[in-house]
Amino acid sequence: MLIEHNAGRGQLSVRLVLVLLFLTIGWTHPIVAQEGSIRFRITTDTVVAGVSCAPTGRAYAVVYDDGKLDECPMGVDTIIAGHPIPRGTWIRLHPSQKLRSLWLNEHQEVQGIPCRGTGYKGWAVTFHDNGTLSLCYLSRSAVIDGVPCAGASFLTEMTGNSGVSLDDQQRLTRC
């Protein structure tokens, strides 16, 4: 339900206020994505909850009910939690606004590890709550903690052997 009233007080919910805001500033097609969030398309570079977001194309940006950003493509080159993030990289944030994951538009080193990037919903890069790298798919073979790890490909992904995982202290746990 998009309109919710506070019992007896007649106050509109944060969700309705966000939908009305989206419609007035040029975001199109706001819909409830799941309980606790709203999906919408962005048609021009727009600042959402203090974050510069680029147009989403056919995909949807998402905000939490409280107005904080969940996900969108970056509108400018930026740095989040010490990680350089180029324009167009799709980011996902925790409700606390810490970096959760990325979809890189091109291959890029993250914390010194060569991660594969092919765009939105491609090869994911994820982070621990402390901001350190949790998972990436290698864009090329690399030696991590003295262990040779193969680059990721469609074939290695089909066999389940392509992701590199690190613990929150940046020690290799799988490759």
N, C-alpha and C. Protein backbone atom coordinates (compact mmCIF):
# COMPACT_ATOMS: atom_id res chain seq x y z
N MET A 1 0.85 -1.17 0.00
CA MET A 1 0.00 0.00 0.00
C MET A 1 0.90 1.24 0.00
N LEU A 2 0.62 2.20 -0.88
CA LEU A 2 1.45 3.39 -0.95
C LEU A 2 1.06 4.44 0.08
N ILE A 3 -0.20 4.52 0.43
CA ILE A 3 -0.63 5.52 1.40
C ILE A 3 -0.95 4.81 2.71
N GLU A 4 -0.31 5.27 3.76
CA GLU A 4 -0.57 4.72 5.07
C GLU A 4 -0.85 5.88 6.01
N HIS A 5 -1.82 5.72 6.86
CA HIS A 5 -2.12 6.77 7.82
C HIS A 5 -1.73 6.28 9.21
N ASN A 6 -1.22 7.21 10.00
CA ASN A 6 -0.92 6.91 11.38
C ASN A 6 -2.26 6.93 12.11
N ALA A 7 -2.63 5.84 12.74
CA ALA A 7 -3.95 5.67 13.33
C ALA A 7 -4.36 6.88 14.15
N GLY A 8 -5.44 7.53 13.71
CA GLY A 8 -6.01 8.64 14.45
C GLY A 8 -5.32 9.97 14.27
N ARG A 9 -4.16 10.01 13.66
CA ARG A 9 -3.44 11.28 13.55
C ARG A 9 -3.48 11.85 12.15
N GLY A 10 -3.77 11.02 11.13
CA GLY A 10 -3.89 11.52 9.76
C GLY A 10 -2.57 11.89 9.13
N GLN A 11 -1.45 11.45 9.68
CA GLN A 11 -0.15 11.79 9.10
C GLN A 11 0.17 10.82 7.97
N LEU A 12 0.70 11.35 6.86
CA LEU A 12 1.11 10.51 5.75
C LEU A 12 2.43 9.83 6.08
N SER A 13 2.61 8.64 5.57
CA SER A 13 3.84 7.91 5.84
C SER A 13 5.01 8.50 5.07
N VAL A 14 6.21 8.15 5.49
CA VAL A 14 7.42 8.53 4.78
C VAL A 14 7.38 8.01 3.36
N ARG A 15 6.82 6.82 3.17
CA ARG A 15 6.73 6.21 1.84
C ARG A 15 5.96 7.11 0.87
N LEU A 16 4.80 7.63 1.27
CA LEU A 16 4.01 8.49 0.39
C LEU A 16 4.77 9.78 0.09
N VAL A 17 5.40 10.36 1.09
CA VAL A 17 6.17 11.58 0.89
C VAL A 17 7.28 11.34 -0.13
N LEU A 18 7.96 10.20 -0.04
CA LEU A 18 9.02 9.88 -1.00
C LEU A 18 8.45 9.72 -2.41
N VAL A 19 7.34 9.03 -2.55
CA VAL A 19 6.73 8.85 -3.87
C VAL A 19 6.37 10.20 -4.46
N LEU A 20 5.75 11.07 -3.68
CA LEU A 20 5.39 12.40 -4.18
C LEU A 20 6.63 13.19 -4.56
N LEU A 21 7.70 13.09 -3.77
CA LEU A 21 8.95 13.77 -4.08
C LEU A 21 9.52 13.26 -5.39
N PHE A 22 9.52 11.94 -5.58
CA PHE A 22 10.06 11.36 -6.81
C PHE A 22 9.31 11.89 -8.03
N LEU A 23 8.00 11.98 -7.92
CA LEU A 23 7.20 12.44 -9.06
C LEU A 23 7.44 13.91 -9.37
N THR A 24 7.70 14.72 -8.35
CA THR A 24 7.90 16.15 -8.60
C THR A 24 9.28 16.50 -9.12
N ILE A 25 10.30 15.69 -8.87
CA ILE A 25 11.64 16.08 -9.33
C ILE A 25 12.12 15.27 -10.53
N GLY A 26 11.22 14.58 -11.18
CA GLY A 26 11.59 13.97 -12.45
C GLY A 26 11.91 12.49 -12.41
N TRP A 27 11.84 11.86 -11.26
CA TRP A 27 12.04 10.42 -11.24
C TRP A 27 10.75 9.80 -11.71
N THR A 28 10.84 8.73 -12.44
CA THR A 28 9.63 8.14 -13.00
C THR A 28 9.36 6.77 -12.43
N HIS A 29 8.12 6.38 -12.48
CA HIS A 29 7.66 5.04 -12.12
C HIS A 29 8.05 4.58 -10.72
N PRO A 30 7.77 5.38 -9.67
CA PRO A 30 8.08 4.87 -8.34
C PRO A 30 7.14 3.72 -8.01
N ILE A 31 7.67 2.62 -7.53
CA ILE A 31 6.85 1.50 -7.11
C ILE A 31 7.44 0.92 -5.84
N VAL A 32 6.63 0.25 -5.07
CA VAL A 32 7.11 -0.40 -3.86
C VAL A 32 7.85 -1.65 -4.28
N ALA A 33 9.14 -1.73 -3.97
CA ALA A 33 9.97 -2.87 -4.37
C ALA A 33 9.72 -4.05 -3.44
N GLN A 34 9.75 -3.79 -2.19
CA GLN A 34 9.50 -4.78 -1.15
C GLN A 34 9.22 -3.98 0.10
N GLU A 35 8.69 -4.64 1.08
CA GLU A 35 8.40 -3.92 2.31
C GLU A 35 9.67 -3.23 2.80
N GLY A 36 9.60 -1.93 3.00
CA GLY A 36 10.74 -1.20 3.50
C GLY A 36 11.55 -0.48 2.44
N SER A 37 11.15 -0.54 1.15
CA SER A 37 11.91 0.17 0.11
C SER A 37 11.02 0.57 -1.06
N ILE A 38 11.51 1.52 -1.84
CA ILE A 38 10.80 2.01 -3.02
C ILE A 38 11.76 2.01 -4.19
N ARG A 39 11.32 1.48 -5.33
CA ARG A 39 12.11 1.46 -6.57
C ARG A 39 11.61 2.56 -7.49
N PHE A 40 12.53 3.15 -8.25
CA PHE A 40 12.16 4.20 -9.19
C PHE A 40 13.25 4.34 -10.24
N ARG A 41 12.88 4.87 -11.38
CA ARG A 41 13.87 5.12 -12.43
C ARG A 41 14.34 6.56 -12.31
N ILE A 42 15.60 6.77 -12.63
CA ILE A 42 16.18 8.12 -12.64
C ILE A 42 16.48 8.45 -14.09
N THR A 43 15.98 9.59 -14.57
CA THR A 43 16.15 9.94 -15.98
C THR A 43 17.28 10.93 -16.23
N THR A 44 17.73 11.64 -15.20
CA THR A 44 18.86 12.57 -15.33
C THR A 44 19.72 12.46 -14.07
N ASP A 45 20.96 12.94 -14.16
CA ASP A 45 21.82 12.93 -12.97
C ASP A 45 21.06 13.61 -11.83
N THR A 46 21.00 12.93 -10.68
CA THR A 46 20.19 13.38 -9.56
C THR A 46 20.89 13.03 -8.26
N VAL A 47 20.79 13.89 -7.26
CA VAL A 47 21.32 13.59 -5.94
C VAL A 47 20.21 12.93 -5.12
N VAL A 48 20.49 11.73 -4.64
CA VAL A 48 19.54 10.97 -3.83
C VAL A 48 20.17 10.75 -2.46
N ALA A 49 19.55 11.31 -1.44
CA ALA A 49 20.04 11.15 -0.07
C ALA A 49 21.51 11.51 0.04
N GLY A 50 21.92 12.57 -0.65
CA GLY A 50 23.30 13.05 -0.58
C GLY A 50 24.27 12.35 -1.51
N VAL A 51 23.80 11.40 -2.33
CA VAL A 51 24.65 10.65 -3.24
C VAL A 51 24.29 11.01 -4.68
N SER A 52 25.30 11.34 -5.48
CA SER A 52 25.07 11.66 -6.89
C SER A 52 24.83 10.38 -7.67
N CYS A 53 23.62 10.24 -8.23
CA CYS A 53 23.24 9.05 -8.99
C CYS A 53 23.05 9.41 -10.46
N ALA A 54 23.45 8.49 -11.34
CA ALA A 54 23.30 8.66 -12.79
C ALA A 54 21.95 8.08 -13.21
N PRO A 55 21.53 8.35 -14.44
CA PRO A 55 20.30 7.73 -14.96
C PRO A 55 20.39 6.21 -14.87
N THR A 56 19.27 5.58 -14.58
CA THR A 56 19.24 4.14 -14.38
C THR A 56 18.87 3.35 -15.63
N GLY A 57 18.48 4.02 -16.69
CA GLY A 57 18.04 3.29 -17.87
C GLY A 57 16.79 2.50 -17.54
N ARG A 58 16.75 1.24 -17.94
CA ARG A 58 15.57 0.41 -17.67
C ARG A 58 15.57 -0.19 -16.27
N ALA A 59 16.69 -0.08 -15.56
CA ALA A 59 16.78 -0.60 -14.20
C ALA A 59 16.18 0.42 -13.22
N TYR A 60 16.15 0.07 -11.96
CA TYR A 60 15.57 0.93 -10.94
C TYR A 60 16.58 1.24 -9.84
N ALA A 61 16.59 2.48 -9.40
CA ALA A 61 17.28 2.84 -8.17
C ALA A 61 16.34 2.45 -7.03
N VAL A 62 16.89 2.31 -5.82
CA VAL A 62 16.06 1.91 -4.68
C VAL A 62 16.45 2.77 -3.48
N VAL A 63 15.44 3.22 -2.74
CA VAL A 63 15.67 3.87 -1.44
C VAL A 63 14.91 3.11 -0.38
N TYR A 64 15.43 3.16 0.84
CA TYR A 64 14.72 2.59 1.98
C TYR A 64 13.57 3.52 2.34
N ASP A 65 12.61 3.02 3.09
CA ASP A 65 11.46 3.83 3.51
C ASP A 65 11.85 5.12 4.22
N ASP A 66 13.00 5.11 4.89
CA ASP A 66 13.41 6.30 5.63
C ASP A 66 14.11 7.33 4.74
N GLY A 67 14.17 7.06 3.42
CA GLY A 67 14.76 8.01 2.48
C GLY A 67 16.23 7.79 2.20
N LYS A 68 16.88 6.87 2.91
CA LYS A 68 18.29 6.59 2.67
C LYS A 68 18.44 5.73 1.42
N LEU A 69 19.54 5.93 0.72
CA LEU A 69 19.79 5.22 -0.52
C LEU A 69 20.12 3.76 -0.27
N ASP A 70 19.52 2.88 -1.07
CA ASP A 70 19.89 1.46 -1.10
C ASP A 70 20.79 1.23 -2.29
N GLU A 71 20.35 1.57 -3.52
CA GLU A 71 21.20 1.35 -4.69
C GLU A 71 20.90 2.30 -5.83
N CYS A 72 21.98 2.62 -6.59
CA CYS A 72 21.88 3.42 -7.81
C CYS A 72 23.24 3.41 -8.51
N PRO A 73 23.28 3.81 -9.79
CA PRO A 73 24.57 3.97 -10.45
C PRO A 73 25.17 5.32 -10.04
N MET A 74 26.47 5.34 -9.80
CA MET A 74 27.14 6.58 -9.39
C MET A 74 27.08 7.63 -10.50
N GLY A 75 26.80 8.87 -10.12
CA GLY A 75 26.70 9.97 -11.08
C GLY A 75 28.03 10.67 -11.32
N VAL A 76 28.98 10.48 -10.43
CA VAL A 76 30.31 11.10 -10.56
C VAL A 76 31.35 10.12 -10.02
N ASP A 77 32.60 10.30 -10.44
CA ASP A 77 33.69 9.54 -9.82
C ASP A 77 33.74 9.95 -8.36
N THR A 78 33.88 9.00 -7.46
CA THR A 78 33.87 9.32 -6.04
C THR A 78 34.69 8.30 -5.27
N ILE A 79 34.79 8.50 -3.98
CA ILE A 79 35.44 7.54 -3.08
C ILE A 79 34.46 7.24 -1.96
N ILE A 80 34.20 5.94 -1.75
CA ILE A 80 33.34 5.51 -0.65
C ILE A 80 34.14 4.52 0.18
N ALA A 81 34.26 4.80 1.46
CA ALA A 81 34.99 3.93 2.40
C ALA A 81 36.40 3.64 1.89
N GLY A 82 37.03 4.64 1.26
CA GLY A 82 38.39 4.48 0.77
C GLY A 82 38.51 3.80 -0.58
N HIS A 83 37.39 3.41 -1.18
CA HIS A 83 37.39 2.74 -2.47
C HIS A 83 37.06 3.73 -3.59
N PRO A 84 37.95 3.91 -4.58
CA PRO A 84 37.60 4.77 -5.71
C PRO A 84 36.51 4.10 -6.55
N ILE A 85 35.46 4.85 -6.80
CA ILE A 85 34.32 4.31 -7.54
C ILE A 85 34.03 5.22 -8.73
N PRO A 86 34.23 4.69 -9.96
CA PRO A 86 34.01 5.52 -11.14
C PRO A 86 32.52 5.74 -11.45
N ARG A 87 32.25 6.82 -12.13
CA ARG A 87 30.89 7.14 -12.59
C ARG A 87 30.33 5.91 -13.31
N GLY A 88 29.06 5.64 -13.09
CA GLY A 88 28.39 4.53 -13.75
C GLY A 88 28.45 3.22 -12.99
N THR A 89 29.37 3.11 -12.02
CA THR A 89 29.42 1.90 -11.19
C THR A 89 28.17 1.86 -10.33
N TRP A 90 27.50 0.74 -10.33
CA TRP A 90 26.27 0.59 -9.55
C TRP A 90 26.65 0.21 -8.13
N ILE A 91 26.17 0.99 -7.15
CA ILE A 91 26.49 0.73 -5.74
C ILE A 91 25.25 0.25 -5.00
N ARG A 92 25.48 -0.54 -3.94
CA ARG A 92 24.44 -0.92 -2.99
C ARG A 92 24.95 -0.58 -1.60
N LEU A 93 24.10 0.03 -0.80
CA LEU A 93 24.46 0.44 0.55
C LEU A 93 23.60 -0.29 1.58
N HIS A 94 24.17 -0.56 2.76
CA HIS A 94 23.39 -1.08 3.88
C HIS A 94 22.48 0.05 4.39
N PRO A 95 21.45 -0.27 5.16
CA PRO A 95 20.64 0.80 5.76
C PRO A 95 21.48 1.78 6.58
N SER A 96 22.62 1.32 7.11
CA SER A 96 23.53 2.20 7.87
C SER A 96 24.32 3.12 6.94
N GLN A 97 24.16 2.93 5.61
CA GLN A 97 24.84 3.66 4.55
C GLN A 97 26.29 3.25 4.35
N LYS A 98 26.68 2.12 4.90
CA LYS A 98 27.99 1.54 4.60
C LYS A 98 27.89 0.81 3.27
N LEU A 99 29.01 0.76 2.55
CA LEU A 99 29.06 0.10 1.26
C LEU A 99 28.79 -1.40 1.41
N ARG A 100 27.82 -1.91 0.66
CA ARG A 100 27.47 -3.33 0.68
C ARG A 100 28.08 -4.06 -0.50
N SER A 101 27.87 -3.51 -1.73
CA SER A 101 28.38 -4.17 -2.92
C SER A 101 28.44 -3.20 -4.10
N LEU A 102 29.12 -3.66 -5.15
CA LEU A 102 29.28 -2.89 -6.39
C LEU A 102 29.09 -3.80 -7.59
N TRP A 103 28.72 -3.20 -8.70
CA TRP A 103 28.86 -3.83 -10.00
C TRP A 103 29.71 -2.86 -10.81
N LEU A 104 30.96 -3.21 -11.00
CA LEU A 104 31.90 -2.35 -11.71
C LEU A 104 31.59 -2.34 -13.20
N ASN A 105 31.75 -1.19 -13.85
CA ASN A 105 31.53 -1.09 -15.30
C ASN A 105 32.70 -1.66 -16.09
N GLU A 106 33.86 -1.71 -15.45
CA GLU A 106 35.04 -2.25 -16.12
C GLU A 106 35.94 -2.88 -15.06
N HIS A 107 36.89 -3.69 -15.50
CA HIS A 107 37.82 -4.32 -14.57
C HIS A 107 38.54 -3.24 -13.77
N GLN A 108 38.73 -3.50 -12.48
CA GLN A 108 39.36 -2.50 -11.61
C GLN A 108 39.96 -3.20 -10.40
N GLU A 109 41.10 -2.69 -9.94
CA GLU A 109 41.67 -3.22 -8.71
C GLU A 109 40.91 -2.66 -7.52
N VAL A 110 40.55 -3.54 -6.60
CA VAL A 110 39.89 -3.15 -5.36
C VAL A 110 40.77 -3.72 -4.24
N GLN A 111 41.32 -2.83 -3.43
CA GLN A 111 42.25 -3.22 -2.37
C GLN A 111 43.39 -4.07 -2.92
N GLY A 112 43.86 -3.72 -4.12
CA GLY A 112 44.99 -4.41 -4.73
C GLY A 112 44.65 -5.71 -5.43
N ILE A 113 43.38 -6.07 -5.47
CA ILE A 113 42.96 -7.32 -6.11
C ILE A 113 42.24 -6.99 -7.42
N PRO A 114 42.64 -7.62 -8.54
CA PRO A 114 42.04 -7.31 -9.84
C PRO A 114 40.64 -7.91 -9.98
N CYS A 115 39.62 -7.06 -9.84
CA CYS A 115 38.23 -7.54 -9.87
C CYS A 115 37.62 -7.33 -11.26
N ARG A 116 36.79 -8.29 -11.64
CA ARG A 116 36.12 -8.26 -12.94
C ARG A 116 34.94 -7.30 -12.86
N GLY A 117 34.77 -6.51 -13.91
CA GLY A 117 33.63 -5.60 -14.00
C GLY A 117 33.03 -5.64 -15.38
N THR A 118 31.73 -5.91 -15.43
CA THR A 118 31.02 -5.93 -16.72
C THR A 118 29.71 -5.18 -16.64
N GLY A 119 29.51 -4.38 -15.60
CA GLY A 119 28.31 -3.56 -15.49
C GLY A 119 27.25 -4.14 -14.57
N TYR A 120 26.12 -3.48 -14.58
CA TYR A 120 25.00 -3.77 -13.70
C TYR A 120 24.56 -5.22 -13.78
N LYS A 121 24.45 -5.84 -12.61
CA LYS A 121 24.04 -7.23 -12.44
C LYS A 121 25.02 -8.22 -13.06
N GLY A 122 26.25 -7.74 -13.31
CA GLY A 122 27.30 -8.62 -13.82
C GLY A 122 28.04 -9.29 -12.66
N TRP A 123 29.35 -9.13 -12.64
CA TRP A 123 30.19 -9.76 -11.61
C TRP A 123 30.19 -8.87 -10.36
N ALA A 124 29.67 -9.36 -9.26
CA ALA A 124 29.54 -8.57 -8.04
C ALA A 124 30.86 -8.45 -7.28
N VAL A 125 31.00 -7.34 -6.58
CA VAL A 125 32.07 -7.11 -5.63
C VAL A 125 31.36 -6.79 -4.32
N THR A 126 31.65 -7.53 -3.25
CA THR A 126 30.96 -7.28 -1.97
C THR A 126 31.96 -6.92 -0.88
N PHE A 127 31.43 -6.31 0.18
CA PHE A 127 32.27 -5.80 1.27
C PHE A 127 31.74 -6.25 2.63
N HIS A 128 32.67 -6.40 3.57
CA HIS A 128 32.31 -6.66 4.96
C HIS A 128 31.81 -5.37 5.58
N ASP A 129 31.16 -5.49 6.75
CA ASP A 129 30.67 -4.30 7.47
C ASP A 129 31.78 -3.30 7.79
N ASN A 130 33.02 -3.79 7.95
CA ASN A 130 34.12 -2.88 8.26
C ASN A 130 34.69 -2.20 7.01
N GLY A 131 34.08 -2.45 5.84
CA GLY A 131 34.50 -1.78 4.61
C GLY A 131 35.54 -2.53 3.79
N THR A 132 36.03 -3.64 4.31
CA THR A 132 37.05 -4.40 3.57
C THR A 132 36.39 -5.33 2.55
N LEU A 133 37.15 -5.67 1.53
CA LEU A 133 36.67 -6.53 0.46
C LEU A 133 36.29 -7.91 0.99
N SER A 134 35.13 -8.39 0.58
CA SER A 134 34.64 -9.70 1.00
C SER A 134 34.70 -10.70 -0.15
N LEU A 135 34.27 -10.28 -1.34
CA LEU A 135 34.20 -11.17 -2.49
C LEU A 135 34.42 -10.39 -3.77
N CYS A 136 35.20 -10.96 -4.68
CA CYS A 136 35.26 -10.44 -6.04
C CYS A 136 35.63 -11.57 -6.97
N TYR A 137 35.37 -11.36 -8.22
CA TYR A 137 35.71 -12.33 -9.27
C TYR A 137 36.89 -11.75 -10.02
N LEU A 138 37.99 -12.48 -10.06
CA LEU A 138 39.23 -11.95 -10.62
C LEU A 138 39.13 -11.69 -12.11
N SER A 139 39.63 -10.54 -12.53
CA SER A 139 39.67 -10.20 -13.95
C SER A 139 40.85 -10.89 -14.64
N ARG A 140 41.80 -11.34 -13.84
CA ARG A 140 42.97 -12.08 -14.35
C ARG A 140 43.51 -12.91 -13.20
N SER A 141 44.34 -13.87 -13.51
CA SER A 141 44.95 -14.69 -12.47
C SER A 141 45.80 -13.79 -11.56
N ALA A 142 45.83 -14.13 -10.29
CA ALA A 142 46.59 -13.33 -9.31
C ALA A 142 47.04 -14.23 -8.16
N VAL A 143 48.11 -13.84 -7.50
CA VAL A 143 48.57 -14.52 -6.31
C VAL A 143 48.09 -13.71 -5.11
N ILE A 144 47.30 -14.36 -4.25
CA ILE A 144 46.73 -13.69 -3.07
C ILE A 144 47.15 -14.49 -1.85
N ASP A 145 47.79 -13.83 -0.91
CA ASP A 145 48.31 -14.50 0.30
C ASP A 145 49.17 -15.70 -0.07
N GLY A 146 49.94 -15.59 -1.16
CA GLY A 146 50.83 -16.65 -1.58
C GLY A 146 50.16 -17.79 -2.33
N VAL A 147 48.86 -17.67 -2.56
CA VAL A 147 48.10 -18.72 -3.24
C VAL A 147 47.76 -18.25 -4.65
N PRO A 148 48.12 -19.03 -5.69
CA PRO A 148 47.74 -18.64 -7.05
C PRO A 148 46.24 -18.87 -7.26
N CYS A 149 45.55 -17.82 -7.72
CA CYS A 149 44.10 -17.88 -7.94
C CYS A 149 43.83 -17.58 -9.41
N ALA A 150 42.96 -18.36 -10.03
CA ALA A 150 42.63 -18.21 -11.45
C ALA A 150 41.64 -17.08 -11.66
N GLY A 151 41.75 -16.45 -12.81
CA GLY A 151 40.78 -15.43 -13.20
C GLY A 151 39.40 -16.05 -13.41
N ALA A 152 38.37 -15.25 -13.23
CA ALA A 152 36.99 -15.73 -13.38
C ALA A 152 36.57 -15.70 -14.84
N SER A 153 35.72 -16.63 -15.19
CA SER A 153 35.13 -16.67 -16.53
C SER A 153 33.76 -17.32 -16.42
N PHE A 154 33.01 -17.29 -17.49
CA PHE A 154 31.71 -17.92 -17.48
C PHE A 154 31.85 -19.40 -17.13
N LEU A 155 32.82 -20.07 -17.72
CA LEU A 155 33.01 -21.50 -17.47
C LEU A 155 33.37 -21.78 -16.01
N THR A 156 34.29 -20.99 -15.44
CA THR A 156 34.65 -21.23 -14.03
C THR A 156 33.48 -20.91 -13.11
N GLU A 157 32.66 -19.95 -13.48
CA GLU A 157 31.48 -19.62 -12.68
C GLU A 157 30.48 -20.78 -12.72
N MET A 158 30.34 -21.43 -13.86
CA MET A 158 29.41 -22.55 -13.98
C MET A 158 29.85 -23.74 -13.12
N THR A 159 31.13 -23.87 -12.86
CA THR A 159 31.62 -24.95 -12.00
C THR A 159 31.70 -24.51 -10.54
N GLY A 160 31.37 -23.23 -10.27
CA GLY A 160 31.37 -22.73 -8.90
C GLY A 160 32.73 -22.44 -8.33
N ASN A 161 33.72 -22.22 -9.18
CA ASN A 161 35.08 -22.04 -8.69
C ASN A 161 35.70 -20.70 -9.09
N SER A 162 34.91 -19.65 -9.21
CA SER A 162 35.51 -18.43 -9.75
C SER A 162 35.64 -17.27 -8.77
N GLY A 163 34.95 -17.29 -7.65
CA GLY A 163 35.01 -16.17 -6.72
C GLY A 163 36.18 -16.25 -5.76
N VAL A 164 36.71 -15.09 -5.39
CA VAL A 164 37.75 -14.99 -4.38
C VAL A 164 37.11 -14.39 -3.14
N SER A 165 37.19 -15.07 -2.02
CA SER A 165 36.61 -14.59 -0.77
C SER A 165 37.72 -14.27 0.22
N LEU A 166 37.50 -13.21 0.98
CA LEU A 166 38.45 -12.77 2.01
C LEU A 166 37.68 -12.57 3.31
N ASP A 167 38.33 -12.81 4.45
CA ASP A 167 37.67 -12.52 5.72
C ASP A 167 37.80 -11.03 6.01
N ASP A 168 37.22 -10.58 7.12
CA ASP A 168 37.22 -9.14 7.40
C ASP A 168 38.59 -8.60 7.80
N GLN A 169 39.59 -9.49 7.93
CA GLN A 169 40.97 -9.06 8.17
C GLN A 169 41.78 -9.14 6.88
N GLN A 170 41.11 -9.40 5.76
CA GLN A 170 41.69 -9.47 4.42
C GLN A 170 42.57 -10.69 4.19
N ARG A 171 42.27 -11.77 4.91
CA ARG A 171 42.95 -13.04 4.66
C ARG A 171 42.12 -13.86 3.69
N LEU A 172 42.80 -14.50 2.75
CA LEU A 172 42.14 -15.33 1.75
C LEU A 172 41.42 -16.49 2.42
N THR A 173 40.15 -16.69 2.07
CA THR A 173 39.41 -17.84 2.59
C THR A 173 39.00 -18.81 1.48
N ARG A 174 39.00 -18.32 0.23
CA ARG A 174 38.63 -19.19 -0.89
C ARG A 174 39.08 -18.57 -2.21
N CYS A 175 39.59 -19.41 -3.09
CA CYS A 175 39.85 -18.98 -4.47
C CYS A 175 39.86 -20.17 -5.39
